[in-house]
Amino acid sequence: MPYQHTSHGITVSVEVDYVPQEESGHDDRYLWAYHITLINGSDEVVQLKTRHWDIMDGLGRVQVVEGPGVVGEVPILRPGQAYTYSSGCPLPTPSGSMGGYYMFERDDGVALRVTIPDFSLDLPDIRRVLN
């Protein structure tokens, strides 16, 4: 079941997969792939401008990641349009969580802060659900 949140008519849906260490090629850390779908349910054309992530490992250490766009793109979404991308998150611990927000801009220049729902990063045998 995906994690999901809607802000300003824009829905952010997140699905997470653990990447086993033998597939990731890293014995000293854990890797998760996350897949995000952005759906513009508003009546406005919007463009994703920036992202802000708060990434917490299993020991409570937080890393902040900010930057322009996502995966090198700043997609424009017309009403009803969706955009999907995938990325990854390495951690030194077998569990953690991520969350944050995107900054979108409407055609008229109005900035919109769109929440990325908090989601857990856990090994397949351990399941936590964040509210």
Protein backbone atom coordinates (compact mmCIF):
# COMPACT_ATOMS: atom_id res chain seq x y z
CA MET A 1 0.00 0.00 0.00
CA PRO A 2 1.51 3.33 -0.99
CA TYR A 3 2.00 6.26 1.33
CA GLN A 4 -0.05 9.19 0.03
CA HIS A 5 -0.75 12.85 0.74
CA THR A 6 -2.51 15.66 -1.15
CA SER A 7 -1.59 19.35 -0.84
CA HIS A 8 -2.99 22.14 -3.05
CA GLY A 9 -4.64 19.50 -5.24
CA ILE A 10 -1.33 17.74 -5.92
CA THR A 11 -1.15 14.14 -4.71
CA VAL A 12 2.19 12.57 -3.80
CA SER A 13 2.12 8.76 -3.74
CA VAL A 14 5.17 6.78 -2.54
CA GLU A 15 6.04 3.09 -2.79
CA VAL A 16 9.23 1.65 -1.29
CA ASP A 17 11.31 -1.45 -2.08
CA TYR A 18 14.30 -2.76 -0.15
CA VAL A 19 17.29 -3.57 -2.40
CA PRO A 20 19.18 -6.58 -0.94
CA GLN A 21 22.87 -5.96 -0.23
CA GLU A 22 23.97 -8.53 -2.79
CA GLU A 23 22.06 -6.59 -5.47
CA SER A 24 23.15 -3.13 -4.30
CA GLY A 25 26.84 -4.08 -4.16
CA HIS A 26 27.29 -2.47 -0.74
CA ASP A 27 27.96 -4.68 2.28
CA ASP A 28 28.32 -1.72 4.66
CA ARG A 29 24.93 -0.09 4.14
CA TYR A 30 21.29 -0.74 3.32
CA LEU A 31 19.58 0.56 0.20
CA TRP A 32 15.94 1.31 -0.59
CA ALA A 33 14.40 2.28 -3.90
CA TYR A 34 11.43 4.61 -3.73
CA HIS A 35 8.95 5.27 -6.50
CA ILE A 36 7.00 8.51 -6.47
CA THR A 37 3.98 9.50 -8.51
CA LEU A 38 2.87 13.13 -8.57
CA ILE A 39 -0.70 13.74 -9.77
CA ASN A 40 -1.96 17.24 -10.50
CA GLY A 41 -5.59 17.20 -9.40
CA SER A 42 -5.82 21.00 -9.43
CA ASP A 43 -7.17 23.26 -12.18
CA GLU A 44 -3.77 24.96 -12.59
CA VAL A 45 -0.61 24.17 -14.53
CA VAL A 46 2.20 23.62 -12.01
CA GLN A 47 5.95 23.05 -12.22
CA LEU A 48 8.03 21.23 -9.65
CA LYS A 49 10.90 23.56 -8.73
CA THR A 50 12.72 22.10 -5.69
CA ARG A 51 12.75 19.22 -3.24
CA HIS A 52 13.48 19.00 0.48
CA TRP A 53 14.07 15.63 2.17
CA ASP A 54 14.53 14.83 5.85
CA ILE A 55 16.14 11.39 5.99
CA MET A 56 16.41 9.71 9.40
CA ASP A 57 18.40 6.54 10.06
CA GLY A 58 17.57 3.96 12.72
CA LEU A 59 19.69 5.81 15.30
CA GLY A 60 17.75 9.05 14.88
CA ARG A 61 20.42 10.87 12.88
CA VAL A 62 18.85 13.22 10.32
CA GLN A 63 20.30 14.18 6.96
CA VAL A 64 18.70 17.03 5.01
CA VAL A 65 18.83 16.90 1.21
CA GLU A 66 17.69 19.88 -0.85
CA GLY A 67 18.02 20.82 -4.47
CA PRO A 68 16.39 21.72 -7.75
CA GLY A 69 13.85 19.35 -9.28
CA VAL A 70 13.94 15.57 -9.06
CA VAL A 71 16.28 13.18 -10.88
CA GLY A 72 17.56 16.09 -12.96
CA GLU A 73 14.12 17.22 -14.10
CA VAL A 74 11.69 20.03 -13.23
CA PRO A 75 8.47 18.56 -14.65
CA ILE A 76 5.48 20.66 -15.67
CA LEU A 77 2.13 19.07 -14.85
CA ARG A 78 -1.07 20.17 -16.53
CA PRO A 79 -4.40 19.53 -14.76
CA GLY A 80 -5.00 15.78 -14.50
CA GLN A 81 -1.45 14.92 -15.55
CA ALA A 82 0.86 12.57 -13.60
CA TYR A 83 4.63 12.27 -13.36
CA THR A 84 6.48 9.25 -11.94
CA TYR A 85 10.12 8.84 -11.01
CA SER A 86 12.30 6.48 -8.99
CA SER A 87 15.34 7.11 -6.85
CA GLY A 88 17.19 5.51 -3.96
CA CYS A 89 18.27 6.07 -0.38
CA PRO A 90 21.24 4.37 1.30
CA LEU A 91 21.39 4.13 5.10
CA PRO A 92 23.99 2.77 7.52
CA THR A 93 21.18 1.16 9.60
CA PRO A 94 18.55 -1.49 8.72
CA SER A 95 15.68 0.95 9.22
CA GLY A 96 14.86 4.61 8.91
CA SER A 97 12.37 7.02 7.42
CA MET A 98 12.04 9.80 4.88
CA GLY A 99 9.68 12.69 4.34
CA GLY A 100 9.74 16.28 3.23
CA TYR A 101 8.19 18.53 0.65
CA TYR A 102 8.34 19.76 -2.92
CA MET A 103 8.03 23.39 -3.93
CA PHE A 104 5.84 23.81 -6.99
CA GLU A 105 5.04 27.00 -8.85
CA ARG A 106 1.81 27.82 -10.65
CA ASP A 107 1.77 29.62 -14.02
CA ASP A 108 0.91 32.86 -12.23
CA GLY A 109 4.06 32.60 -10.06
CA VAL A 110 2.36 31.46 -6.84
CA ALA A 111 4.55 29.03 -4.87
CA LEU A 112 2.97 25.86 -3.47
CA ARG A 113 4.53 23.74 -0.74
CA VAL A 114 3.47 20.13 -1.35
CA THR A 115 4.03 17.62 1.45
CA ILE A 116 5.85 14.35 0.80
CA PRO A 117 4.31 11.92 3.31
CA ASP A 118 6.68 10.36 5.83
CA PHE A 119 7.46 6.78 4.86
CA SER A 120 9.43 4.04 6.56
CA LEU A 121 12.54 2.32 5.26
CA ASP A 122 12.64 -1.17 6.74
CA LEU A 123 14.02 -4.60 5.93
CA PRO A 124 11.33 -6.87 4.43
CA ASP A 125 10.93 -8.90 7.67
CA ILE A 126 10.41 -5.77 9.77
CA ARG A 127 7.37 -3.62 9.09
CA ARG A 128 6.71 -0.21 10.64
CA VAL A 129 4.02 2.17 9.54
CA LEU A 130 4.42 5.90 10.01
CA ASN A 131 1.35 8.07 10.33
